Amino acid sequence: MHFTVWMNNSEQKTVLSHPIETSDWKDVLSQEDGRPDDGMMNIKLDPLGYRTLYRSIN
């Protein structure tokens, strides 16, 4: 398994972006897909929020 944690340390909503080519990411808590758009992962985060995504490595 491969995990990535996205954190928002501000008191405002934000979107964090990072280039990611693989499209098999899932949210650990909600099991929602975390697919990138055109090779760019864009994660919306609440104030002082976080999100953990994972994918299986074969």
C-alpha atoms as a PDB file:
ATOM      1  CA  MET A   1       0.000   0.000   0.000  1.00  0.00           C
ATOM      2  CA  HIS A   2       1.051   3.551  -0.683  1.00  0.00           C
ATOM      3  CA  PHE A   3      -0.409   6.431   1.352  1.00  0.00           C
ATOM      4  CA  THR A   4      -0.364  10.183   0.906  1.00  0.00           C
ATOM      5  CA  VAL A   5      -1.640  12.682   3.493  1.00  0.00           C
ATOM      6  CA  TRP A   6      -2.861  16.122   2.471  1.00  0.00           C
ATOM      7  CA  MET A   7      -3.071  18.751   5.242  1.00  0.00           C
ATOM      8  CA  ASN A   8      -4.480  22.269   5.389  1.00  0.00           C
ATOM      9  CA  ASN A   9      -2.844  24.258   8.186  1.00  0.00           C
ATOM     10  CA  SER A  10      -4.796  27.450   7.480  1.00  0.00           C
ATOM     11  CA  GLU A  11      -8.150  28.655   8.749  1.00  0.00           C
ATOM     12  CA  GLN A  12      -9.520  28.964   5.192  1.00  0.00           C
ATOM     13  CA  LYS A  13     -10.746  26.340   2.753  1.00  0.00           C
ATOM     14  CA  THR A  14      -8.084  25.520   0.191  1.00  0.00           C
ATOM     15  CA  VAL A  15      -7.253  23.304  -2.771  1.00  0.00           C
ATOM     16  CA  LEU A  16      -3.876  21.579  -2.824  1.00  0.00           C
ATOM     17  CA  SER A  17      -2.488  20.347  -6.145  1.00  0.00           C
ATOM     18  CA  HIS A  18       0.284  17.928  -7.058  1.00  0.00           C
ATOM     19  CA  PRO A  19       1.164  16.109 -10.293  1.00  0.00           C
ATOM     20  CA  ILE A  20       0.119  12.434 -10.037  1.00  0.00           C
ATOM     21  CA  GLU A  21      -0.178  10.115 -13.014  1.00  0.00           C
ATOM     22  CA  THR A  22      -1.819   7.064 -11.413  1.00  0.00           C
ATOM     23  CA  SER A  23      -5.618   7.046 -11.176  1.00  0.00           C
ATOM     24  CA  ASP A  24      -6.283   4.331  -8.594  1.00  0.00           C
ATOM     25  CA  TRP A  25      -6.274   6.489  -5.436  1.00  0.00           C
ATOM     26  CA  LYS A  26      -9.057   6.170  -2.823  1.00  0.00           C
ATOM     27  CA  ASP A  27      -9.905   8.183   0.270  1.00  0.00           C
ATOM     28  CA  VAL A  28      -9.160   6.130   3.409  1.00  0.00           C
ATOM     29  CA  LEU A  29     -12.260   7.275   5.335  1.00  0.00           C
ATOM     30  CA  SER A  30     -14.935   7.738   2.661  1.00  0.00           C
ATOM     31  CA  GLN A  31     -13.618   5.267   0.033  1.00  0.00           C
ATOM     32  CA  GLU A  32     -14.320   7.944  -2.626  1.00  0.00           C
ATOM     33  CA  ASP A  33     -12.126   7.911  -5.711  1.00  0.00           C
ATOM     34  CA  GLY A  34      -9.285  10.414  -5.693  1.00  0.00           C
ATOM     35  CA  ARG A  35      -8.591  10.503  -9.400  1.00  0.00           C
ATOM     36  CA  PRO A  36      -6.318  13.159 -10.890  1.00  0.00           C
ATOM     37  CA  ASP A  37      -7.485  15.440 -13.706  1.00  0.00           C
ATOM     38  CA  ASP A  38      -5.049  15.537 -16.627  1.00  0.00           C
ATOM     39  CA  GLY A  39      -2.202  14.292 -14.424  1.00  0.00           C
ATOM     40  CA  MET A  40      -2.874  16.759 -11.584  1.00  0.00           C
ATOM     41  CA  MET A  41      -4.381  15.745  -8.220  1.00  0.00           C
ATOM     42  CA  ASN A  42      -6.505  18.564  -6.763  1.00  0.00           C
ATOM     43  CA  ILE A  43      -7.667  17.979  -3.197  1.00  0.00           C
ATOM     44  CA  LYS A  44     -10.241  20.292  -1.561  1.00  0.00           C
ATOM     45  CA  LEU A  45      -9.648  20.707   2.162  1.00  0.00           C
ATOM     46  CA  ASP A  46     -11.656  22.327   4.935  1.00  0.00           C
ATOM     47  CA  PRO A  47      -9.972  24.746   7.347  1.00  0.00           C
ATOM     48  CA  LEU A  48      -7.415  22.848   9.445  1.00  0.00           C
ATOM     49  CA  GLY A  49      -8.537  19.684   7.652  1.00  0.00           C
ATOM     50  CA  TYR A  50      -6.753  16.706   6.204  1.00  0.00           C
ATOM     51  CA  ARG A  51      -7.336  13.858   3.802  1.00  0.00           C
ATOM     52  CA  THR A  52      -5.506  10.553   3.486  1.00  0.00           C
ATOM     53  CA  LEU A  53      -5.453   8.742   0.153  1.00  0.00           C
ATOM     54  CA  TYR A  54      -4.154   5.262  -0.604  1.00  0.00           C
ATOM     55  CA  ARG A  55      -3.485   2.950  -3.504  1.00  0.00           C
ATOM     56  CA  SER A  56      -2.351  -0.643  -3.849  1.00  0.00           C
ATOM     57  CA  ILE A  57       1.094  -1.261  -5.284  1.00  0.00           C
ATOM     58  CA  ASN A  58       1.316  -4.442  -7.319  1.00  0.00           C
END
